[in-house]
Full PDB file with SEQRES, HELIX, SHEET, SSBOND, CRYST1, ORIGX, SCALE, CONECT and MASTER records, all heavy atoms in Angstrom:
SEQRES   1 A   33  LEU VAL LEU TYR GLY THR ILE LEU ASN PHE SER SER ALA          
SEQRES   2 A   33  LEU MET TYR SER SER TYR ILE ASN LEU LYS VAL VAL LEU          
SEQRES   3 A   33  SER TYR MET VAL SER GLY VAL                                  
HELIX    1 AA1 LEU A    3  TYR A   16  1                                  14    
HELIX    2 AA2 LEU A   22  SER A   31  1                                  10    
CRYST1    1.000    1.000    1.000  90.00  90.00  90.00 P 1           1          
ORIGX1      1.000000  0.000000  0.000000        0.00000                         
ORIGX2      0.000000  1.000000  0.000000        0.00000                         
ORIGX3      0.000000  0.000000  1.000000        0.00000                         
SCALE1      1.000000  0.000000  0.000000        0.00000                         
SCALE2      0.000000  1.000000  0.000000        0.00000                         
SCALE3      0.000000  0.000000  1.000000        0.00000                         
ATOM      1  N   LEU A   1       0.804  -1.206   0.030  1.00  0.00           N  
ATOM      2  CA  LEU A   1      -0.024  -0.034  -0.019  1.00  0.00           C  
ATOM      3  C   LEU A   1       0.910   1.264   0.006  1.00  0.00           C  
ATOM      4  O   LEU A   1       0.585   2.166  -0.799  1.00  0.00           O  
ATOM      5  CB  LEU A   1      -0.904   0.027   1.220  1.00  0.00           C  
ATOM      6  CG  LEU A   1      -1.899   1.254   1.369  1.00  0.00           C  
ATOM      7  CD1 LEU A   1      -2.842   1.213   0.256  1.00  0.00           C  
ATOM      8  CD2 LEU A   1      -2.575   1.100   2.781  1.00  0.00           C  
ATOM      9  N   VAL A   2       1.848   1.311   0.854  1.00  0.00           N  
ATOM     10  CA  VAL A   2       2.607   2.491   0.992  1.00  0.00           C  
ATOM     11  C   VAL A   2       3.731   2.662  -0.024  1.00  0.00           C  
ATOM     12  O   VAL A   2       3.822   3.707  -0.692  1.00  0.00           O  
ATOM     13  CB  VAL A   2       3.196   2.592   2.455  1.00  0.00           C  
ATOM     14  CG1 VAL A   2       4.107   3.803   2.690  1.00  0.00           C  
ATOM     15  CG2 VAL A   2       2.104   2.504   3.555  1.00  0.00           C  
ATOM     16  N   LEU A   3       4.624   1.648  -0.014  1.00  0.00           N  
ATOM     17  CA  LEU A   3       5.843   1.753  -0.951  1.00  0.00           C  
ATOM     18  C   LEU A   3       5.451   1.637  -2.422  1.00  0.00           C  
ATOM     19  O   LEU A   3       5.666   2.530  -3.216  1.00  0.00           O  
ATOM     20  CB  LEU A   3       6.796   0.759  -0.519  1.00  0.00           C  
ATOM     21  CG  LEU A   3       8.150   0.756  -1.344  1.00  0.00           C  
ATOM     22  CD1 LEU A   3       8.824   2.108  -1.232  1.00  0.00           C  
ATOM     23  CD2 LEU A   3       9.073  -0.319  -0.954  1.00  0.00           C  
ATOM     24  N   TYR A   4       4.837   0.467  -2.871  1.00  0.00           N  
ATOM     25  CA  TYR A   4       4.508   0.275  -4.241  1.00  0.00           C  
ATOM     26  C   TYR A   4       3.494   1.255  -4.715  1.00  0.00           C  
ATOM     27  O   TYR A   4       3.694   1.882  -5.799  1.00  0.00           O  
ATOM     28  CB  TYR A   4       3.957  -1.155  -4.377  1.00  0.00           C  
ATOM     29  CG  TYR A   4       3.760  -1.542  -5.845  1.00  0.00           C  
ATOM     30  CD1 TYR A   4       4.760  -2.181  -6.511  1.00  0.00           C  
ATOM     31  CD2 TYR A   4       2.641  -1.300  -6.480  1.00  0.00           C  
ATOM     32  CE1 TYR A   4       4.608  -2.473  -7.854  1.00  0.00           C  
ATOM     33  CE2 TYR A   4       2.415  -1.632  -7.798  1.00  0.00           C  
ATOM     34  CZ  TYR A   4       3.356  -2.278  -8.513  1.00  0.00           C  
ATOM     35  OH  TYR A   4       3.227  -2.574  -9.862  1.00  0.00           O  
ATOM     36  N   GLY A   5       2.496   1.494  -3.873  1.00  0.00           N  
ATOM     37  CA  GLY A   5       1.449   2.428  -4.236  1.00  0.00           C  
ATOM     38  C   GLY A   5       1.992   3.844  -4.512  1.00  0.00           C  
ATOM     39  O   GLY A   5       1.733   4.541  -5.509  1.00  0.00           O  
ATOM     40  N   THR A   6       2.884   4.282  -3.590  1.00  0.00           N  
ATOM     41  CA  THR A   6       3.417   5.657  -3.725  1.00  0.00           C  
ATOM     42  C   THR A   6       4.267   5.792  -4.941  1.00  0.00           C  
ATOM     43  O   THR A   6       4.185   6.853  -5.665  1.00  0.00           O  
ATOM     44  CB  THR A   6       4.266   5.962  -2.377  1.00  0.00           C  
ATOM     45  OG1 THR A   6       3.424   5.930  -1.295  1.00  0.00           O  
ATOM     46  CG2 THR A   6       4.918   7.346  -2.590  1.00  0.00           C  
ATOM     47  N   ILE A   7       5.175   4.802  -5.131  1.00  0.00           N  
ATOM     48  CA  ILE A   7       6.069   4.940  -6.341  1.00  0.00           C  
ATOM     49  C   ILE A   7       5.248   4.915  -7.562  1.00  0.00           C  
ATOM     50  O   ILE A   7       5.522   5.710  -8.543  1.00  0.00           O  
ATOM     51  CB  ILE A   7       7.018   3.727  -6.331  1.00  0.00           C  
ATOM     52  CG1 ILE A   7       7.985   3.914  -5.148  1.00  0.00           C  
ATOM     53  CG2 ILE A   7       7.853   3.682  -7.619  1.00  0.00           C  
ATOM     54  CD1 ILE A   7       9.007   2.750  -4.916  1.00  0.00           C  
ATOM     55  N   LEU A   8       4.298   3.969  -7.778  1.00  0.00           N  
ATOM     56  CA  LEU A   8       3.573   3.987  -8.984  1.00  0.00           C  
ATOM     57  C   LEU A   8       2.641   5.112  -9.233  1.00  0.00           C  
ATOM     58  O   LEU A   8       2.418   5.608 -10.344  1.00  0.00           O  
ATOM     59  CB  LEU A   8       2.764   2.610  -9.097  1.00  0.00           C  
ATOM     60  CG  LEU A   8       3.546   1.455  -9.749  1.00  0.00           C  
ATOM     61  CD1 LEU A   8       3.765   1.787 -11.269  1.00  0.00           C  
ATOM     62  CD2 LEU A   8       4.857   1.138  -9.052  1.00  0.00           C  
ATOM     63  N   ASN A   9       2.014   5.613  -8.134  1.00  0.00           N  
ATOM     64  CA  ASN A   9       1.159   6.799  -8.333  1.00  0.00           C  
ATOM     65  C   ASN A   9       1.975   8.006  -8.619  1.00  0.00           C  
ATOM     66  O   ASN A   9       1.555   8.916  -9.453  1.00  0.00           O  
ATOM     67  CB  ASN A   9       0.363   7.007  -7.042  1.00  0.00           C  
ATOM     68  CG  ASN A   9      -0.709   6.014  -6.738  1.00  0.00           C  
ATOM     69  OD1 ASN A   9      -1.201   5.358  -7.698  1.00  0.00           O  
ATOM     70  ND2 ASN A   9      -0.974   5.747  -5.468  1.00  0.00           N  
ATOM     71  N   PHE A  10       3.150   8.148  -8.014  1.00  0.00           N  
ATOM     72  CA  PHE A  10       4.036   9.250  -8.365  1.00  0.00           C  
ATOM     73  C   PHE A  10       4.493   9.138  -9.831  1.00  0.00           C  
ATOM     74  O   PHE A  10       4.579  10.259 -10.469  1.00  0.00           O  
ATOM     75  CB  PHE A  10       5.234   9.262  -7.398  1.00  0.00           C  
ATOM     76  CG  PHE A  10       6.166  10.363  -7.623  1.00  0.00           C  
ATOM     77  CD1 PHE A  10       5.815  11.751  -7.314  1.00  0.00           C  
ATOM     78  CD2 PHE A  10       7.421  10.125  -8.157  1.00  0.00           C  
ATOM     79  CE1 PHE A  10       6.679  12.744  -7.610  1.00  0.00           C  
ATOM     80  CE2 PHE A  10       8.282  11.255  -8.394  1.00  0.00           C  
ATOM     81  CZ  PHE A  10       7.930  12.528  -8.106  1.00  0.00           C  
ATOM     82  N   SER A  11       4.790   7.922 -10.201  1.00  0.00           N  
ATOM     83  CA  SER A  11       5.234   7.829 -11.595  1.00  0.00           C  
ATOM     84  C   SER A  11       4.099   8.226 -12.649  1.00  0.00           C  
ATOM     85  O   SER A  11       4.360   8.722 -13.665  1.00  0.00           O  
ATOM     86  CB  SER A  11       5.686   6.352 -11.919  1.00  0.00           C  
ATOM     87  OG  SER A  11       4.578   5.514 -11.884  1.00  0.00           O  
ATOM     88  N   SER A  12       2.894   7.888 -12.234  1.00  0.00           N  
ATOM     89  CA  SER A  12       1.742   8.297 -13.076  1.00  0.00           C  
ATOM     90  C   SER A  12       1.662   9.773 -13.159  1.00  0.00           C  
ATOM     91  O   SER A  12       1.333  10.348 -14.229  1.00  0.00           O  
ATOM     92  CB  SER A  12       0.460   7.735 -12.474  1.00  0.00           C  
ATOM     93  OG  SER A  12       0.435   6.336 -12.541  1.00  0.00           O  
ATOM     94  N   ALA A  13       1.910  10.444 -12.075  1.00  0.00           N  
ATOM     95  CA  ALA A  13       1.883  11.948 -12.104  1.00  0.00           C  
ATOM     96  C   ALA A  13       2.976  12.495 -13.018  1.00  0.00           C  
ATOM     97  O   ALA A  13       2.739  13.441 -13.732  1.00  0.00           O  
ATOM     98  CB  ALA A  13       2.024  12.540 -10.670  1.00  0.00           C  
ATOM     99  N   LEU A  14       4.146  11.798 -13.001  1.00  0.00           N  
ATOM    100  CA  LEU A  14       5.235  12.279 -13.838  1.00  0.00           C  
ATOM    101  C   LEU A  14       4.895  12.040 -15.313  1.00  0.00           C  
ATOM    102  O   LEU A  14       5.296  12.784 -16.141  1.00  0.00           O  
ATOM    103  CB  LEU A  14       6.514  11.543 -13.499  1.00  0.00           C  
ATOM    104  CG  LEU A  14       7.163  11.906 -12.123  1.00  0.00           C  
ATOM    105  CD1 LEU A  14       8.332  11.010 -11.897  1.00  0.00           C  
ATOM    106  CD2 LEU A  14       7.541  13.419 -12.088  1.00  0.00           C  
ATOM    107  N   MET A  15       4.289  10.955 -15.571  1.00  0.00           N  
ATOM    108  CA  MET A  15       4.137  10.469 -17.064  1.00  0.00           C  
ATOM    109  C   MET A  15       2.894  11.132 -17.645  1.00  0.00           C  
ATOM    110  O   MET A  15       2.972  11.435 -18.845  1.00  0.00           O  
ATOM    111  CB  MET A  15       3.959   8.951 -17.121  1.00  0.00           C  
ATOM    112  CG  MET A  15       5.325   8.238 -16.894  1.00  0.00           C  
ATOM    113  SD  MET A  15       5.056   6.415 -17.017  1.00  0.00           S  
ATOM    114  CE  MET A  15       4.152   6.046 -15.496  1.00  0.00           C  
ATOM    115  N   TYR A  16       1.879  11.379 -16.896  1.00  0.00           N  
ATOM    116  CA  TYR A  16       0.616  11.776 -17.560  1.00  0.00           C  
ATOM    117  C   TYR A  16       0.126  13.249 -17.299  1.00  0.00           C  
ATOM    118  O   TYR A  16      -0.831  13.714 -17.785  1.00  0.00           O  
ATOM    119  CB  TYR A  16      -0.467  10.812 -17.058  1.00  0.00           C  
ATOM    120  CG  TYR A  16      -0.215   9.426 -17.389  1.00  0.00           C  
ATOM    121  CD1 TYR A  16      -0.180   8.402 -16.425  1.00  0.00           C  
ATOM    122  CD2 TYR A  16       0.060   9.053 -18.700  1.00  0.00           C  
ATOM    123  CE1 TYR A  16       0.094   7.090 -16.692  1.00  0.00           C  
ATOM    124  CE2 TYR A  16       0.357   7.690 -19.005  1.00  0.00           C  
ATOM    125  CZ  TYR A  16       0.335   6.748 -17.985  1.00  0.00           C  
ATOM    126  OH  TYR A  16       0.603   5.465 -18.342  1.00  0.00           O  
ATOM    127  N   SER A  17       0.824  13.945 -16.410  1.00  0.00           N  
ATOM    128  CA  SER A  17       0.580  15.334 -16.078  1.00  0.00           C  
ATOM    129  C   SER A  17       1.584  16.253 -16.862  1.00  0.00           C  
ATOM    130  O   SER A  17       2.738  15.981 -16.907  1.00  0.00           O  
ATOM    131  CB  SER A  17       0.592  15.590 -14.599  1.00  0.00           C  
ATOM    132  OG  SER A  17       0.240  16.936 -14.367  1.00  0.00           O  
ATOM    133  N   SER A  18       1.002  17.374 -17.408  1.00  0.00           N  
ATOM    134  CA  SER A  18       1.823  18.313 -18.196  1.00  0.00           C  
ATOM    135  C   SER A  18       2.757  19.096 -17.269  1.00  0.00           C  
ATOM    136  O   SER A  18       3.760  19.648 -17.740  1.00  0.00           O  
ATOM    137  CB  SER A  18       0.942  19.230 -19.045  1.00  0.00           C  
ATOM    138  OG  SER A  18      -0.043  19.917 -18.164  1.00  0.00           O  
ATOM    139  N   TYR A  19       2.402  19.243 -15.982  1.00  0.00           N  
ATOM    140  CA  TYR A  19       3.223  19.941 -15.060  1.00  0.00           C  
ATOM    141  C   TYR A  19       3.028  19.225 -13.698  1.00  0.00           C  
ATOM    142  O   TYR A  19       2.055  18.594 -13.381  1.00  0.00           O  
ATOM    143  CB  TYR A  19       2.848  21.357 -14.909  1.00  0.00           C  
ATOM    144  CG  TYR A  19       1.462  21.691 -14.531  1.00  0.00           C  
ATOM    145  CD1 TYR A  19       1.190  21.951 -13.151  1.00  0.00           C  
ATOM    146  CD2 TYR A  19       0.425  21.667 -15.386  1.00  0.00           C  
ATOM    147  CE1 TYR A  19      -0.088  22.166 -12.712  1.00  0.00           C  
ATOM    148  CE2 TYR A  19      -0.879  21.937 -14.995  1.00  0.00           C  
ATOM    149  CZ  TYR A  19      -1.100  22.211 -13.614  1.00  0.00           C  
ATOM    150  OH  TYR A  19      -2.363  22.433 -13.195  1.00  0.00           O  
ATOM    151  N   ILE A  20       4.095  19.415 -12.855  1.00  0.00           N  
ATOM    152  CA  ILE A  20       4.054  18.707 -11.534  1.00  0.00           C  
ATOM    153  C   ILE A  20       4.124  19.781 -10.376  1.00  0.00           C  
ATOM    154  O   ILE A  20       4.928  20.647 -10.358  1.00  0.00           O  
ATOM    155  CB  ILE A  20       5.326  17.835 -11.375  1.00  0.00           C  
ATOM    156  CG1 ILE A  20       5.227  16.670 -12.364  1.00  0.00           C  
ATOM    157  CG2 ILE A  20       5.449  17.210 -10.034  1.00  0.00           C  
ATOM    158  CD1 ILE A  20       4.064  15.731 -12.179  1.00  0.00           C  
ATOM    159  N   ASN A  21       3.192  19.631  -9.461  1.00  0.00           N  
ATOM    160  CA  ASN A  21       3.224  20.368  -8.183  1.00  0.00           C  
ATOM    161  C   ASN A  21       2.626  19.381  -7.131  1.00  0.00           C  
ATOM    162  O   ASN A  21       2.200  18.301  -7.345  1.00  0.00           O  
ATOM    163  CB  ASN A  21       2.574  21.727  -8.320  1.00  0.00           C  
ATOM    164  CG  ASN A  21       1.081  21.638  -8.697  1.00  0.00           C  
ATOM    165  OD1 ASN A  21       0.410  20.607  -8.328  1.00  0.00           O  
ATOM    166  ND2 ASN A  21       0.714  22.559  -9.466  1.00  0.00           N  
ATOM    167  N   LEU A  22       2.650  19.926  -5.890  1.00  0.00           N  
ATOM    168  CA  LEU A  22       2.142  19.066  -4.802  1.00  0.00           C  
ATOM    169  C   LEU A  22       0.586  18.708  -4.955  1.00  0.00           C  
ATOM    170  O   LEU A  22       0.321  17.596  -4.741  1.00  0.00           O  
ATOM    171  CB  LEU A  22       2.349  19.868  -3.469  1.00  0.00           C  
ATOM    172  CG  LEU A  22       1.899  19.108  -2.202  1.00  0.00           C  
ATOM    173  CD1 LEU A  22       2.765  17.829  -2.029  1.00  0.00           C  
ATOM    174  CD2 LEU A  22       2.123  20.021  -0.947  1.00  0.00           C  
ATOM    175  N   LYS A  23      -0.095  19.664  -5.490  1.00  0.00           N  
ATOM    176  CA  LYS A  23      -1.552  19.365  -5.604  1.00  0.00           C  
ATOM    177  C   LYS A  23      -1.779  18.263  -6.651  1.00  0.00           C  
ATOM    178  O   LYS A  23      -2.610  17.371  -6.474  1.00  0.00           O  
ATOM    179  CB  LYS A  23      -2.246  20.662  -6.105  1.00  0.00           C  
ATOM    180  CG  LYS A  23      -3.768  20.500  -6.190  1.00  0.00           C  
ATOM    181  CD  LYS A  23      -4.401  21.829  -6.536  1.00  0.00           C  
ATOM    182  CE  LYS A  23      -5.891  21.691  -6.720  1.00  0.00           C  
ATOM    183  NZ  LYS A  23      -6.538  23.043  -7.084  1.00  0.00           N  
ATOM    184  N   VAL A  24      -1.020  18.336  -7.753  1.00  0.00           N  
ATOM    185  CA  VAL A  24      -1.102  17.270  -8.778  1.00  0.00           C  
ATOM    186  C   VAL A  24      -0.744  15.909  -8.236  1.00  0.00           C  
ATOM    187  O   VAL A  24      -1.480  14.922  -8.506  1.00  0.00           O  
ATOM    188  CB  VAL A  24      -0.280  17.617 -10.031  1.00  0.00           C  
ATOM    189  CG1 VAL A  24      -0.251  16.540 -11.035  1.00  0.00           C  
ATOM    190  CG2 VAL A  24      -0.849  18.908 -10.726  1.00  0.00           C  
ATOM    191  N   VAL A  25       0.430  15.907  -7.576  1.00  0.00           N  
ATOM    192  CA  VAL A  25       0.902  14.592  -7.013  1.00  0.00           C  
ATOM    193  C   VAL A  25      -0.107  14.020  -5.996  1.00  0.00           C  
ATOM    194  O   VAL A  25      -0.423  12.860  -6.041  1.00  0.00           O  
ATOM    195  CB  VAL A  25       2.296  14.858  -6.343  1.00  0.00           C  
ATOM    196  CG1 VAL A  25       2.681  13.581  -5.577  1.00  0.00           C  
ATOM    197  CG2 VAL A  25       3.295  15.219  -7.394  1.00  0.00           C  
ATOM    198  N   LEU A  26      -0.561  14.869  -5.128  1.00  0.00           N  
ATOM    199  CA  LEU A  26      -1.613  14.399  -4.154  1.00  0.00           C  
ATOM    200  C   LEU A  26      -2.852  13.859  -4.805  1.00  0.00           C  
ATOM    201  O   LEU A  26      -3.458  12.887  -4.367  1.00  0.00           O  
ATOM    202  CB  LEU A  26      -1.923  15.522  -3.179  1.00  0.00           C  
ATOM    203  CG  LEU A  26      -0.815  15.886  -2.173  1.00  0.00           C  
ATOM    204  CD1 LEU A  26      -1.315  17.079  -1.325  1.00  0.00           C  
ATOM    205  CD2 LEU A  26      -0.567  14.699  -1.258  1.00  0.00           C  
ATOM    206  N   SER A  27      -3.273  14.481  -5.895  1.00  0.00           N  
ATOM    207  CA  SER A  27      -4.501  14.035  -6.596  1.00  0.00           C  
ATOM    208  C   SER A  27      -4.269  12.636  -7.155  1.00  0.00           C  
ATOM    209  O   SER A  27      -5.213  11.820  -7.123  1.00  0.00           O  
ATOM    210  CB  SER A  27      -4.889  15.054  -7.680  1.00  0.00           C  
ATOM    211  OG  SER A  27      -3.926  15.057  -8.707  1.00  0.00           O  
ATOM    212  N   TYR A  28      -3.072  12.380  -7.662  1.00  0.00           N  
ATOM    213  CA  TYR A  28      -2.773  11.011  -8.199  1.00  0.00           C  
ATOM    214  C   TYR A  28      -2.722  10.097  -7.062  1.00  0.00           C  
ATOM    215  O   TYR A  28      -3.061   8.869  -7.251  1.00  0.00           O  
ATOM    216  CB  TYR A  28      -1.463  11.083  -9.004  1.00  0.00           C  
ATOM    217  CG  TYR A  28      -1.683  11.460 -10.491  1.00  0.00           C  
ATOM    218  CD1 TYR A  28      -1.626  12.791 -10.859  1.00  0.00           C  
ATOM    219  CD2 TYR A  28      -1.883  10.493 -11.423  1.00  0.00           C  
ATOM    220  CE1 TYR A  28      -1.765  13.188 -12.172  1.00  0.00           C  
ATOM    221  CE2 TYR A  28      -2.112  10.810 -12.781  1.00  0.00           C  
ATOM    222  CZ  TYR A  28      -2.003  12.195 -13.111  1.00  0.00           C  
ATOM    223  OH  TYR A  28      -2.166  12.530 -14.382  1.00  0.00           O  
ATOM    224  N   MET A  29      -2.104  10.487  -5.960  1.00  0.00           N  
ATOM    225  CA  MET A  29      -1.980   9.571  -4.847  1.00  0.00           C  
ATOM    226  C   MET A  29      -3.420   9.156  -4.299  1.00  0.00           C  
ATOM    227  O   MET A  29      -3.693   8.035  -4.001  1.00  0.00           O  
ATOM    228  CB  MET A  29      -1.229  10.272  -3.695  1.00  0.00           C  
ATOM    229  CG  MET A  29       0.184  10.587  -4.027  1.00  0.00           C  
ATOM    230  SD  MET A  29       1.202   9.054  -4.082  1.00  0.00           S  
ATOM    231  CE  MET A  29       2.788   9.741  -4.375  1.00  0.00           C  
ATOM    232  N   VAL A  30      -4.297  10.108  -4.185  1.00  0.00           N  
ATOM    233  CA  VAL A  30      -5.645   9.876  -3.674  1.00  0.00           C  
ATOM    234  C   VAL A  30      -6.480   9.028  -4.645  1.00  0.00           C  
ATOM    235  O   VAL A  30      -7.109   8.056  -4.245  1.00  0.00           O  
ATOM    236  CB  VAL A  30      -6.366  11.168  -3.344  1.00  0.00           C  
ATOM    237  CG1 VAL A  30      -7.802  10.915  -2.997  1.00  0.00           C  
ATOM    238  CG2 VAL A  30      -5.702  11.913  -2.234  1.00  0.00           C  
ATOM    239  N   SER A  31      -6.345   9.344  -5.938  1.00  0.00           N  
ATOM    240  CA  SER A  31      -7.127   8.525  -6.867  1.00  0.00           C  
ATOM    241  C   SER A  31      -6.676   7.123  -7.011  1.00  0.00           C  
ATOM    242  O   SER A  31      -7.379   6.218  -7.447  1.00  0.00           O  
ATOM    243  CB  SER A  31      -7.021   9.232  -8.279  1.00  0.00           C  
ATOM    244  OG  SER A  31      -5.606   9.284  -8.715  1.00  0.00           O  
ATOM    245  N   GLY A  32      -5.367   6.844  -6.640  1.00  0.00           N  
ATOM    246  CA  GLY A  32      -4.865   5.561  -6.716  1.00  0.00           C  
ATOM    247  C   GLY A  32      -5.117   4.630  -5.539  1.00  0.00           C  
ATOM    248  O   GLY A  32      -4.842   3.432  -5.528  1.00  0.00           O  
ATOM    249  N   VAL A  33      -5.666   5.206  -4.408  1.00  0.00           N  
ATOM    250  CA  VAL A  33      -5.834   4.476  -3.197  1.00  0.00           C  
ATOM    251  C   VAL A  33      -6.739   3.275  -3.335  1.00  0.00           C  
ATOM    252  O   VAL A  33      -6.387   2.183  -2.833  1.00  0.00           O  
ATOM    253  CB  VAL A  33      -6.354   5.422  -2.049  1.00  0.00           C  
ATOM    254  CG1 VAL A  33      -6.974   4.622  -0.863  1.00  0.00           C  
ATOM    255  CG2 VAL A  33      -5.287   6.408  -1.575  1.00  0.00           C  
TER     256      VAL A  33                                                      
MASTER        0    0    0    2    0    0    0    6  255    1    0    3          
END                                                                             
């Protein structure tokens, strides 16, 4: 839940978002829960 989920959700934010900030990263983290 914590390690694998965090790494993959963060990678999704990097790959699919046109820009990165804390709000974008958190949105991907929450949607991946």
